[in-house]
């Protein structure tokens, strides 16, 4: 029996689409068939540029089409919940860009819509599917660095466009939502638990969103995490996991190269562990196919996405109120 091919549509002509198009075309079980824009001329031009066969002049029109199985939602953060829910209600599976939503209530509404419609909805944290991340988690869980004590993460870059949508508070702007969500997600994944309490500090910009954010997270069992993120620093991306007997250093945690490495230090000796290559974003595309076609649980579960949003919401509250905040 032939394997079913999942037909994908892109909601909008967002820049991040160009990262997903190659793996969709490389996958035997997925096929990119459509793009939708609020402007038909823009959709047609984009479809011509990327050789996409079908175009829609509105998001609603694409969601109403029975020949679309899965949609990719790369809209601004503040629109993720609205259009993911609408897509689910239309019977479409959804791969939604990170951050999944900007409130816990939105996550719950998205999960409820997915359950009611019987569709798969998952957050597009590409790094979570890469062999490098799976190896780091395997090392931690096997006791390679002893008892877990501390996790450190950073993600920053200089955002130079004053009109960038990531500076709009109405649309879920801010460095913690855009890039801070990565180290927060990573350390939660490695620790395998949710923080019980957080403390954050932020530097806000002219629009009111955080331009730089630093945070601490306390987990049960005396495990701690610290992170920083920024729109106003040079590019930095790094993860370090510290145990009682060793350290794991991940030089490129969020966008690994095809053949990358992690460093494992024990007893003053550092071992370089090579990581086999994989096309970026292919893992999340195949994970969606596994979930839809085989009934597997997505690697990034809705509970996982809820935990990340809950941690960020608590961190932002802590920064506003200058006090530690429990995570609900």
C-alpha atoms as a PDB file:
ATOM      1  CA  UNK A   1       0.000   0.000   0.000  1.00  0.00           C
ATOM      2  CA  UNK A   2       1.360   3.414  -0.964  1.00  0.00           C
ATOM      3  CA  UNK A   3       2.317   5.813   1.818  1.00  0.00           C
ATOM      4  CA  UNK A   4      -0.086   8.717   2.128  1.00  0.00           C
ATOM      5  CA  UNK A   5       1.419  12.083   1.190  1.00  0.00           C
ATOM      6  CA  UNK A   6       0.554  14.987   3.488  1.00  0.00           C
ATOM      7  CA  UNK A   7      -0.268  18.164   1.568  1.00  0.00           C
ATOM      8  CA  UNK A   8       1.053  21.305   3.251  1.00  0.00           C
ATOM      9  CA  UNK A   9       0.046  24.947   2.991  1.00  0.00           C
ATOM     10  CA  UNK A  10       1.960  27.956   4.299  1.00  0.00           C
ATOM     11  CA  UNK A  11       0.035  30.622   6.213  1.00  0.00           C
ATOM     12  CA  UNK A  12       1.710  33.840   4.994  1.00  0.00           C
ATOM     13  CA  UNK A  13       4.929  34.541   3.138  1.00  0.00           C
ATOM     14  CA  UNK A  14       7.011  34.890   6.319  1.00  0.00           C
ATOM     15  CA  UNK A  15      10.793  34.837   6.022  1.00  0.00           C
ATOM     16  CA  UNK A  16      11.088  31.666   8.129  1.00  0.00           C
ATOM     17  CA  UNK A  17       9.193  29.750   5.410  1.00  0.00           C
ATOM     18  CA  UNK A  18      12.401  29.440   3.423  1.00  0.00           C
ATOM     19  CA  UNK A  19      13.802  27.201   6.174  1.00  0.00           C
ATOM     20  CA  UNK A  20      10.871  24.787   5.970  1.00  0.00           C
ATOM     21  CA  UNK A  21      10.516  24.561   2.184  1.00  0.00           C
ATOM     22  CA  UNK A  22      13.668  22.432   1.513  1.00  0.00           C
ATOM     23  CA  UNK A  23      12.875  19.726   4.119  1.00  0.00           C
ATOM     24  CA  UNK A  24       9.253  19.550   2.948  1.00  0.00           C
ATOM     25  CA  UNK A  25      10.580  18.853  -0.535  1.00  0.00           C
ATOM     26  CA  UNK A  26      13.146  16.368   0.742  1.00  0.00           C
ATOM     27  CA  UNK A  27      10.553  14.342   2.657  1.00  0.00           C
ATOM     28  CA  UNK A  28       8.856  11.376   0.988  1.00  0.00           C
ATOM     29  CA  UNK A  29       5.721  11.779   3.126  1.00  0.00           C
ATOM     30  CA  UNK A  30       5.214  15.530   2.894  1.00  0.00           C
ATOM     31  CA  UNK A  31       4.522  17.832  -0.035  1.00  0.00           C
ATOM     32  CA  UNK A  32       4.286  21.621  -0.192  1.00  0.00           C
ATOM     33  CA  UNK A  33       1.282  22.478  -2.338  1.00  0.00           C
ATOM     34  CA  UNK A  34       0.048  25.950  -1.365  1.00  0.00           C
ATOM     35  CA  UNK A  35       0.748  29.365   0.117  1.00  0.00           C
ATOM     36  CA  UNK A  36      -1.765  31.906   1.417  1.00  0.00           C
ATOM     37  CA  UNK A  37      -1.370  35.653   1.836  1.00  0.00           C
ATOM     38  CA  UNK A  38      -3.803  38.426   2.661  1.00  0.00           C
ATOM     39  CA  UNK A  39      -2.832  39.884  -0.733  1.00  0.00           C
ATOM     40  CA  UNK A  40      -3.327  37.685  -3.808  1.00  0.00           C
ATOM     41  CA  UNK A  41      -0.596  39.450  -5.803  1.00  0.00           C
ATOM     42  CA  UNK A  42       1.870  38.798  -2.976  1.00  0.00           C
ATOM     43  CA  UNK A  43       0.840  35.153  -2.810  1.00  0.00           C
ATOM     44  CA  UNK A  44       1.255  34.741  -6.570  1.00  0.00           C
ATOM     45  CA  UNK A  45       4.701  36.344  -6.579  1.00  0.00           C
ATOM     46  CA  UNK A  46       5.820  34.176  -3.661  1.00  0.00           C
ATOM     47  CA  UNK A  47       4.449  31.024  -5.289  1.00  0.00           C
ATOM     48  CA  UNK A  48       6.307  31.831  -8.498  1.00  0.00           C
ATOM     49  CA  UNK A  49       9.559  32.500  -6.623  1.00  0.00           C
ATOM     50  CA  UNK A  50       9.385  29.207  -4.691  1.00  0.00           C
ATOM     51  CA  UNK A  51       7.589  27.099  -7.318  1.00  0.00           C
ATOM     52  CA  UNK A  52       4.504  26.459  -5.170  1.00  0.00           C
ATOM     53  CA  UNK A  53       1.569  25.216  -7.292  1.00  0.00           C
ATOM     54  CA  UNK A  54      -1.436  26.759  -5.511  1.00  0.00           C
ATOM     55  CA  UNK A  55      -2.133  30.224  -4.110  1.00  0.00           C
ATOM     56  CA  UNK A  56      -4.809  31.695  -1.880  1.00  0.00           C
ATOM     57  CA  UNK A  57      -5.639  35.368  -1.362  1.00  0.00           C
ATOM     58  CA  UNK A  58      -6.665  34.845   2.253  1.00  0.00           C
ATOM     59  CA  UNK A  59      -5.790  32.509   5.110  1.00  0.00           C
ATOM     60  CA  UNK A  60      -9.458  31.574   5.448  1.00  0.00           C
ATOM     61  CA  UNK A  61      -9.635  30.385   1.827  1.00  0.00           C
ATOM     62  CA  UNK A  62      -6.742  27.984   2.315  1.00  0.00           C
ATOM     63  CA  UNK A  63      -8.190  26.635   5.559  1.00  0.00           C
ATOM     64  CA  UNK A  64     -11.482  25.973   3.792  1.00  0.00           C
ATOM     65  CA  UNK A  65      -9.837  23.890   1.065  1.00  0.00           C
ATOM     66  CA  UNK A  66     -10.244  20.128   1.658  1.00  0.00           C
ATOM     67  CA  UNK A  67      -7.090  19.370  -0.326  1.00  0.00           C
ATOM     68  CA  UNK A  68      -4.839  20.878   2.366  1.00  0.00           C
ATOM     69  CA  UNK A  69      -3.915  18.464   5.184  1.00  0.00           C
ATOM     70  CA  UNK A  70      -1.356  20.419   7.221  1.00  0.00           C
ATOM     71  CA  UNK A  71      -0.645  24.112   7.655  1.00  0.00           C
ATOM     72  CA  UNK A  72       2.498  25.805   8.870  1.00  0.00           C
ATOM     73  CA  UNK A  73       1.806  28.859  11.039  1.00  0.00           C
ATOM     74  CA  UNK A  74       4.776  31.281  11.080  1.00  0.00           C
ATOM     75  CA  UNK A  75       2.712  34.396  11.867  1.00  0.00           C
ATOM     76  CA  UNK A  76       3.806  36.927  14.524  1.00  0.00           C
ATOM     77  CA  UNK A  77       3.733  35.497  18.062  1.00  0.00           C
ATOM     78  CA  UNK A  78       0.514  37.237  19.060  1.00  0.00           C
ATOM     79  CA  UNK A  79      -1.360  35.602  16.154  1.00  0.00           C
ATOM     80  CA  UNK A  80      -0.238  32.007  16.737  1.00  0.00           C
ATOM     81  CA  UNK A  81      -3.185  31.038  18.917  1.00  0.00           C
ATOM     82  CA  UNK A  82      -5.884  32.652  16.759  1.00  0.00           C
ATOM     83  CA  UNK A  83      -4.850  31.035  13.485  1.00  0.00           C
ATOM     84  CA  UNK A  84      -3.815  27.694  14.955  1.00  0.00           C
ATOM     85  CA  UNK A  85      -7.276  27.405  16.516  1.00  0.00           C
ATOM     86  CA  UNK A  86      -8.957  28.416  13.248  1.00  0.00           C
ATOM     87  CA  UNK A  87      -6.884  25.863  11.355  1.00  0.00           C
ATOM     88  CA  UNK A  88      -7.719  23.105  13.829  1.00  0.00           C
ATOM     89  CA  UNK A  89     -11.413  23.976  13.638  1.00  0.00           C
ATOM     90  CA  UNK A  90     -11.127  23.625   9.862  1.00  0.00           C
ATOM     91  CA  UNK A  91      -9.752  20.108  10.350  1.00  0.00           C
ATOM     92  CA  UNK A  92      -6.137  20.941   9.538  1.00  0.00           C
ATOM     93  CA  UNK A  93      -3.097  19.656  11.380  1.00  0.00           C
ATOM     94  CA  UNK A  94      -0.814  22.525  12.427  1.00  0.00           C
ATOM     95  CA  UNK A  95       2.915  23.009  12.862  1.00  0.00           C
ATOM     96  CA  UNK A  96       3.044  26.320  14.741  1.00  0.00           C
ATOM     97  CA  UNK A  97       6.221  28.362  15.066  1.00  0.00           C
ATOM     98  CA  UNK A  98       7.714  29.065  18.470  1.00  0.00           C
ATOM     99  CA  UNK A  99       6.716  30.493  20.844  1.00  0.00           C
ATOM    100  CA  UNK A 100       3.559  28.393  20.681  1.00  0.00           C
ATOM    101  CA  UNK A 101       1.484  31.163  22.316  1.00  0.00           C
ATOM    102  CA  UNK A 102       1.929  34.116  24.661  1.00  0.00           C
ATOM    103  CA  UNK A 103      -0.421  33.077  27.483  1.00  0.00           C
ATOM    104  CA  UNK A 104      -1.159  29.780  29.191  1.00  0.00           C
ATOM    105  CA  UNK A 105      -4.850  30.325  28.460  1.00  0.00           C
ATOM    106  CA  UNK A 106      -4.082  30.474  24.739  1.00  0.00           C
ATOM    107  CA  UNK A 107      -2.195  27.178  24.932  1.00  0.00           C
ATOM    108  CA  UNK A 108      -5.136  25.544  26.682  1.00  0.00           C
ATOM    109  CA  UNK A 109      -7.531  26.858  24.021  1.00  0.00           C
ATOM    110  CA  UNK A 110      -5.263  25.572  21.233  1.00  0.00           C
ATOM    111  CA  UNK A 111      -5.022  22.164  22.871  1.00  0.00           C
ATOM    112  CA  UNK A 112      -8.801  22.016  23.332  1.00  0.00           C
ATOM    113  CA  UNK A 113      -9.393  22.904  19.670  1.00  0.00           C
ATOM    114  CA  UNK A 114      -6.926  20.232  18.523  1.00  0.00           C
ATOM    115  CA  UNK A 115      -8.517  17.585  20.734  1.00  0.00           C
ATOM    116  CA  UNK A 116     -12.050  18.448  19.622  1.00  0.00           C
ATOM    117  CA  UNK A 117     -11.093  18.342  15.937  1.00  0.00           C
ATOM    118  CA  UNK A 118      -8.912  15.254  16.274  1.00  0.00           C
ATOM    119  CA  UNK A 119      -5.901  16.913  14.672  1.00  0.00           C
ATOM    120  CA  UNK A 120      -2.204  17.118  15.520  1.00  0.00           C
ATOM    121  CA  UNK A 121      -0.955  20.506  16.683  1.00  0.00           C
ATOM    122  CA  UNK A 122       2.717  20.898  17.571  1.00  0.00           C
ATOM    123  CA  UNK A 123       5.274  23.637  18.241  1.00  0.00           C
ATOM    124  CA  UNK A 124       8.111  24.081  15.748  1.00  0.00           C
ATOM    125  CA  UNK A 125      11.180  23.901  17.989  1.00  0.00           C
ATOM    126  CA  UNK A 126      13.452  22.535  15.277  1.00  0.00           C
ATOM    127  CA  UNK A 127      16.463  21.927  17.541  1.00  0.00           C
ATOM    128  CA  UNK A 128      14.492  19.469  19.687  1.00  0.00           C
ATOM    129  CA  UNK A 129      14.479  16.930  16.821  1.00  0.00           C
ATOM    130  CA  UNK A 130      18.173  17.186  15.939  1.00  0.00           C
ATOM    131  CA  UNK A 131      20.536  14.287  16.818  1.00  0.00           C
ATOM    132  CA  UNK A 132      22.701  16.736  18.783  1.00  0.00           C
ATOM    133  CA  UNK A 133      19.931  17.551  21.273  1.00  0.00           C
ATOM    134  CA  UNK A 134      18.968  13.895  21.589  1.00  0.00           C
ATOM    135  CA  UNK A 135      22.601  13.029  22.365  1.00  0.00           C
ATOM    136  CA  UNK A 136      22.880  15.725  25.047  1.00  0.00           C
ATOM    137  CA  UNK A 137      19.733  14.439  26.732  1.00  0.00           C
ATOM    138  CA  UNK A 138      20.998  10.865  26.499  1.00  0.00           C
ATOM    139  CA  UNK A 139      24.306  11.835  28.163  1.00  0.00           C
ATOM    140  CA  UNK A 140      22.552  13.645  31.009  1.00  0.00           C
ATOM    141  CA  UNK A 141      20.079  10.806  31.617  1.00  0.00           C
ATOM    142  CA  UNK A 142      22.848   8.175  31.542  1.00  0.00           C
ATOM    143  CA  UNK A 143      24.696   9.937  34.350  1.00  0.00           C
ATOM    144  CA  UNK A 144      27.662  10.948  32.192  1.00  0.00           C
ATOM    145  CA  UNK A 145      28.101  14.169  34.225  1.00  0.00           C
ATOM    146  CA  UNK A 146      26.823  12.835  37.538  1.00  0.00           C
ATOM    147  CA  UNK A 147      23.956  14.491  39.381  1.00  0.00           C
ATOM    148  CA  UNK A 148      22.555  17.464  37.507  1.00  0.00           C
ATOM    149  CA  UNK A 149      23.280  20.770  39.246  1.00  0.00           C
ATOM    150  CA  UNK A 150      23.061  23.707  36.826  1.00  0.00           C
ATOM    151  CA  UNK A 151      22.085  24.594  33.260  1.00  0.00           C
ATOM    152  CA  UNK A 152      23.188  27.790  31.524  1.00  0.00           C
ATOM    153  CA  UNK A 153      21.929  29.205  28.231  1.00  0.00           C
ATOM    154  CA  UNK A 154      22.334  32.285  26.044  1.00  0.00           C
ATOM    155  CA  UNK A 155      20.806  33.540  22.800  1.00  0.00           C
ATOM    156  CA  UNK A 156      21.300  37.086  21.536  1.00  0.00           C
ATOM    157  CA  UNK A 157      21.702  39.162  18.384  1.00  0.00           C
ATOM    158  CA  UNK A 158      21.538  42.801  17.366  1.00  0.00           C
ATOM    159  CA  UNK A 159      18.103  43.728  16.015  1.00  0.00           C
ATOM    160  CA  UNK A 160      18.614  46.842  13.906  1.00  0.00           C
ATOM    161  CA  UNK A 161      15.206  47.395  12.262  1.00  0.00           C
ATOM    162  CA  UNK A 162      13.073  49.807  14.296  1.00  0.00           C
ATOM    163  CA  UNK A 163       9.928  48.654  12.481  1.00  0.00           C
ATOM    164  CA  UNK A 164      10.521  44.953  13.147  1.00  0.00           C
ATOM    165  CA  UNK A 165       7.379  43.067  14.217  1.00  0.00           C
ATOM    166  CA  UNK A 166       9.376  41.595  17.104  1.00  0.00           C
ATOM    167  CA  UNK A 167       9.283  45.009  18.770  1.00  0.00           C
ATOM    168  CA  UNK A 168       5.474  45.217  18.723  1.00  0.00           C
ATOM    169  CA  UNK A 169       3.992  44.485  22.186  1.00  0.00           C
ATOM    170  CA  UNK A 170       0.548  43.799  20.707  1.00  0.00           C
ATOM    171  CA  UNK A 171       1.982  40.978  18.587  1.00  0.00           C
ATOM    172  CA  UNK A 172       3.962  39.320  21.370  1.00  0.00           C
ATOM    173  CA  UNK A 173       7.249  41.113  20.822  1.00  0.00           C
ATOM    174  CA  UNK A 174      10.311  40.991  23.032  1.00  0.00           C
ATOM    175  CA  UNK A 175      13.603  39.138  23.184  1.00  0.00           C
ATOM    176  CA  UNK A 176      12.403  36.529  25.684  1.00  0.00           C
ATOM    177  CA  UNK A 177       9.575  35.427  23.386  1.00  0.00           C
ATOM    178  CA  UNK A 178      11.732  35.511  20.250  1.00  0.00           C
ATOM    179  CA  UNK A 179      15.054  34.015  21.365  1.00  0.00           C
ATOM    180  CA  UNK A 180      14.877  33.522  25.149  1.00  0.00           C
ATOM    181  CA  UNK A 181      12.296  30.807  24.560  1.00  0.00           C
ATOM    182  CA  UNK A 182      15.123  28.633  23.167  1.00  0.00           C
ATOM    183  CA  UNK A 183      17.413  28.355  26.213  1.00  0.00           C
ATOM    184  CA  UNK A 184      14.350  28.122  28.466  1.00  0.00           C
ATOM    185  CA  UNK A 185      13.024  25.247  26.374  1.00  0.00           C
ATOM    186  CA  UNK A 186      16.440  23.592  26.173  1.00  0.00           C
ATOM    187  CA  UNK A 187      17.164  23.547  29.900  1.00  0.00           C
ATOM    188  CA  UNK A 188      13.621  22.346  30.677  1.00  0.00           C
ATOM    189  CA  UNK A 189      14.117  19.531  28.175  1.00  0.00           C
ATOM    190  CA  UNK A 190      17.479  18.487  29.622  1.00  0.00           C
ATOM    191  CA  UNK A 191      16.368  18.751  33.249  1.00  0.00           C
ATOM    192  CA  UNK A 192      13.162  16.928  32.395  1.00  0.00           C
ATOM    193  CA  UNK A 193      10.987  18.970  34.732  1.00  0.00           C
ATOM    194  CA  UNK A 194       9.245  22.302  35.110  1.00  0.00           C
ATOM    195  CA  UNK A 195      10.702  25.130  37.212  1.00  0.00           C
ATOM    196  CA  UNK A 196       8.938  25.733  40.501  1.00  0.00           C
ATOM    197  CA  UNK A 197      10.020  29.370  40.813  1.00  0.00           C
ATOM    198  CA  UNK A 198      11.650  31.984  38.589  1.00  0.00           C
ATOM    199  CA  UNK A 199      13.253  35.398  38.887  1.00  0.00           C
ATOM    200  CA  UNK A 200      13.801  37.766  35.970  1.00  0.00           C
ATOM    201  CA  UNK A 201      15.248  41.148  35.115  1.00  0.00           C
ATOM    202  CA  UNK A 202      14.683  43.043  31.887  1.00  0.00           C
ATOM    203  CA  UNK A 203      15.760  46.138  29.993  1.00  0.00           C
ATOM    204  CA  UNK A 204      12.841  47.482  27.972  1.00  0.00           C
ATOM    205  CA  UNK A 205      12.969  49.502  24.771  1.00  0.00           C
ATOM    206  CA  UNK A 206      10.880  52.398  23.408  1.00  0.00           C
ATOM    207  CA  UNK A 207       7.907  50.155  22.573  1.00  0.00           C
ATOM    208  CA  UNK A 208       7.855  48.610  26.039  1.00  0.00           C
ATOM    209  CA  UNK A 209       9.047  45.110  25.122  1.00  0.00           C
ATOM    210  CA  UNK A 210      12.173  43.612  26.668  1.00  0.00           C
ATOM    211  CA  UNK A 211      15.313  44.244  24.642  1.00  0.00           C
ATOM    212  CA  UNK A 212      17.471  42.256  27.062  1.00  0.00           C
ATOM    213  CA  UNK A 213      16.315  39.698  29.615  1.00  0.00           C
ATOM    214  CA  UNK A 214      18.181  37.670  32.221  1.00  0.00           C
ATOM    215  CA  UNK A 215      16.521  34.992  34.279  1.00  0.00           C
ATOM    216  CA  UNK A 216      16.970  32.317  36.904  1.00  0.00           C
ATOM    217  CA  UNK A 217      14.859  29.198  37.317  1.00  0.00           C
ATOM    218  CA  UNK A 218      14.731  26.923  40.341  1.00  0.00           C
ATOM    219  CA  UNK A 219      13.777  23.290  39.892  1.00  0.00           C
ATOM    220  CA  UNK A 220      13.006  20.646  42.480  1.00  0.00           C
ATOM    221  CA  UNK A 221      16.005  18.824  43.926  1.00  0.00           C
ATOM    222  CA  UNK A 222      18.267  21.875  44.113  1.00  0.00           C
ATOM    223  CA  UNK A 223      18.733  22.120  40.340  1.00  0.00           C
ATOM    224  CA  UNK A 224      19.076  25.630  38.913  1.00  0.00           C
ATOM    225  CA  UNK A 225      19.149  27.274  35.493  1.00  0.00           C
ATOM    226  CA  UNK A 226      20.247  30.687  34.303  1.00  0.00           C
ATOM    227  CA  UNK A 227      19.778  32.271  30.892  1.00  0.00           C
ATOM    228  CA  UNK A 228      20.099  35.551  29.046  1.00  0.00           C
ATOM    229  CA  UNK A 229      18.703  36.792  25.758  1.00  0.00           C
ATOM    230  CA  UNK A 230      18.878  40.081  23.918  1.00  0.00           C
ATOM    231  CA  UNK A 231      18.122  42.123  20.819  1.00  0.00           C
ATOM    232  CA  UNK A 232      21.025  44.427  21.691  1.00  0.00           C
ATOM    233  CA  UNK A 233      24.114  42.196  21.884  1.00  0.00           C
ATOM    234  CA  UNK A 234      26.291  40.454  19.292  1.00  0.00           C
ATOM    235  CA  UNK A 235      25.203  37.004  18.177  1.00  0.00           C
ATOM    236  CA  UNK A 236      25.663  34.441  20.931  1.00  0.00           C
ATOM    237  CA  UNK A 237      24.130  31.010  21.258  1.00  0.00           C
ATOM    238  CA  UNK A 238      25.397  28.543  23.831  1.00  0.00           C
ATOM    239  CA  UNK A 239      24.259  25.885  26.303  1.00  0.00           C
ATOM    240  CA  UNK A 240      26.248  24.456  29.213  1.00  0.00           C
ATOM    241  CA  UNK A 241      25.018  21.643  31.439  1.00  0.00           C
ATOM    242  CA  UNK A 242      26.881  21.196  34.744  1.00  0.00           C
ATOM    243  CA  UNK A 243      26.708  18.062  36.873  1.00  0.00           C
ATOM    244  CA  UNK A 244      28.481  16.888  40.000  1.00  0.00           C
ATOM    245  CA  UNK A 245      31.068  14.984  37.914  1.00  0.00           C
ATOM    246  CA  UNK A 246      31.294  16.808  34.614  1.00  0.00           C
ATOM    247  CA  UNK A 247      30.193  19.430  32.110  1.00  0.00           C
ATOM    248  CA  UNK A 248      28.519  19.264  28.703  1.00  0.00           C
ATOM    249  CA  UNK A 249      29.131  22.276  26.454  1.00  0.00           C
ATOM    250  CA  UNK A 250      27.030  22.802  23.311  1.00  0.00           C
ATOM    251  CA  UNK A 251      28.569  25.476  21.051  1.00  0.00           C
ATOM    252  CA  UNK A 252      25.660  25.569  18.565  1.00  0.00           C
ATOM    253  CA  UNK A 253      22.602  24.338  20.439  1.00  0.00           C
ATOM    254  CA  UNK A 254      19.718  25.923  18.529  1.00  0.00           C
ATOM    255  CA  UNK A 255      20.825  25.655  14.908  1.00  0.00           C
ATOM    256  CA  UNK A 256      23.367  22.852  14.629  1.00  0.00           C
ATOM    257  CA  UNK A 257      25.415  22.425  11.486  1.00  0.00           C
ATOM    258  CA  UNK A 258      25.142  19.255   9.406  1.00  0.00           C
ATOM    259  CA  UNK A 259      28.145  17.828  11.262  1.00  0.00           C
ATOM    260  CA  UNK A 260      28.578  19.481  14.636  1.00  0.00           C
ATOM    261  CA  UNK A 261      30.045  18.562  18.010  1.00  0.00           C
ATOM    262  CA  UNK A 262      29.483  18.723  21.730  1.00  0.00           C
ATOM    263  CA  UNK A 263      32.162  18.802  24.412  1.00  0.00           C
ATOM    264  CA  UNK A 264      32.108  16.488  27.443  1.00  0.00           C
ATOM    265  CA  UNK A 265      34.499  17.405  30.263  1.00  0.00           C
ATOM    266  CA  UNK A 266      35.211  14.979  33.118  1.00  0.00           C
ATOM    267  CA  UNK A 267      38.191  14.813  35.472  1.00  0.00           C
ATOM    268  CA  UNK A 268      39.882  17.750  33.712  1.00  0.00           C
ATOM    269  CA  UNK A 269      39.765  15.929  30.379  1.00  0.00           C
ATOM    270  CA  UNK A 270      37.595  17.133  27.508  1.00  0.00           C
ATOM    271  CA  UNK A 271      36.201  14.731  24.928  1.00  0.00           C
ATOM    272  CA  UNK A 272      34.869  15.989  21.613  1.00  0.00           C
ATOM    273  CA  UNK A 273      31.763  14.063  20.584  1.00  0.00           C
ATOM    274  CA  UNK A 274      30.923  14.368  16.861  1.00  0.00           C
ATOM    275  CA  UNK A 275      27.253  14.560  15.929  1.00  0.00           C
ATOM    276  CA  UNK A 276      25.942  13.070  12.661  1.00  0.00           C
ATOM    277  CA  UNK A 277      24.466  15.602  10.292  1.00  0.00           C
ATOM    278  CA  UNK A 278      20.823  16.119   9.458  1.00  0.00           C
ATOM    279  CA  UNK A 279      19.071  18.653   7.262  1.00  0.00           C
ATOM    280  CA  UNK A 280      17.821  21.392   9.545  1.00  0.00           C
ATOM    281  CA  UNK A 281      14.039  21.383  10.097  1.00  0.00           C
ATOM    282  CA  UNK A 282      13.687  17.915   8.543  1.00  0.00           C
ATOM    283  CA  UNK A 283      13.218  16.380  11.979  1.00  0.00           C
ATOM    284  CA  UNK A 284      10.155  18.446  12.827  1.00  0.00           C
ATOM    285  CA  UNK A 285       8.599  17.749   9.417  1.00  0.00           C
ATOM    286  CA  UNK A 286       9.079  13.993   9.794  1.00  0.00           C
ATOM    287  CA  UNK A 287       7.845  14.163  13.394  1.00  0.00           C
ATOM    288  CA  UNK A 288       4.594  15.688  12.145  1.00  0.00           C
ATOM    289  CA  UNK A 289       4.255  12.878   9.595  1.00  0.00           C
ATOM    290  CA  UNK A 290       4.883  10.269  12.313  1.00  0.00           C
ATOM    291  CA  UNK A 291       2.212  11.867  14.499  1.00  0.00           C
ATOM    292  CA  UNK A 292      -0.397  12.242  11.754  1.00  0.00           C
ATOM    293  CA  UNK A 293       0.172   9.054   9.758  1.00  0.00           C
ATOM    294  CA  UNK A 294       1.286   6.652  12.494  1.00  0.00           C
ATOM    295  CA  UNK A 295      -0.388   8.093  15.571  1.00  0.00           C
ATOM    296  CA  UNK A 296       2.880   8.731  17.414  1.00  0.00           C
ATOM    297  CA  UNK A 297       3.030  11.403  20.086  1.00  0.00           C
ATOM    298  CA  UNK A 298       4.810  14.554  18.808  1.00  0.00           C
ATOM    299  CA  UNK A 299       8.253  14.992  20.334  1.00  0.00           C
ATOM    300  CA  UNK A 300       7.250  18.494  21.488  1.00  0.00           C
ATOM    301  CA  UNK A 301       4.015  17.771  23.328  1.00  0.00           C
ATOM    302  CA  UNK A 302       1.319  20.325  24.070  1.00  0.00           C
ATOM    303  CA  UNK A 303       2.119  19.910  27.773  1.00  0.00           C
ATOM    304  CA  UNK A 304       5.751  20.719  26.988  1.00  0.00           C
ATOM    305  CA  UNK A 305       4.735  23.845  25.063  1.00  0.00           C
ATOM    306  CA  UNK A 306       2.446  24.862  27.917  1.00  0.00           C
ATOM    307  CA  UNK A 307       5.338  24.532  30.355  1.00  0.00           C
ATOM    308  CA  UNK A 308       7.560  26.799  28.285  1.00  0.00           C
ATOM    309  CA  UNK A 309       4.884  29.483  27.985  1.00  0.00           C
ATOM    310  CA  UNK A 310       4.113  29.254  31.716  1.00  0.00           C
ATOM    311  CA  UNK A 311       7.781  29.765  32.569  1.00  0.00           C
ATOM    312  CA  UNK A 312       8.092  32.809  30.284  1.00  0.00           C
ATOM    313  CA  UNK A 313       4.873  34.369  31.611  1.00  0.00           C
ATOM    314  CA  UNK A 314       6.161  33.953  35.172  1.00  0.00           C
ATOM    315  CA  UNK A 315       9.573  35.406  34.251  1.00  0.00           C
ATOM    316  CA  UNK A 316       7.958  38.479  32.707  1.00  0.00           C
ATOM    317  CA  UNK A 317       5.771  38.923  35.798  1.00  0.00           C
ATOM    318  CA  UNK A 318       8.867  38.631  37.989  1.00  0.00           C
ATOM    319  CA  UNK A 319      10.681  41.297  35.979  1.00  0.00           C
ATOM    320  CA  UNK A 320       7.712  43.667  36.254  1.00  0.00           C
ATOM    321  CA  UNK A 321       7.277  43.124  39.966  1.00  0.00           C
ATOM    322  CA  UNK A 322      10.959  42.676  40.966  1.00  0.00           C
ATOM    323  CA  UNK A 323      10.300  39.523  42.976  1.00  0.00           C
ATOM    324  CA  UNK A 324      10.516  35.748  42.607  1.00  0.00           C
ATOM    325  CA  UNK A 325       7.356  34.253  41.074  1.00  0.00           C
ATOM    326  CA  UNK A 326       6.093  30.642  41.319  1.00  0.00           C
ATOM    327  CA  UNK A 327       5.334  28.936  37.997  1.00  0.00           C
ATOM    328  CA  UNK A 328       1.771  27.716  37.602  1.00  0.00           C
END
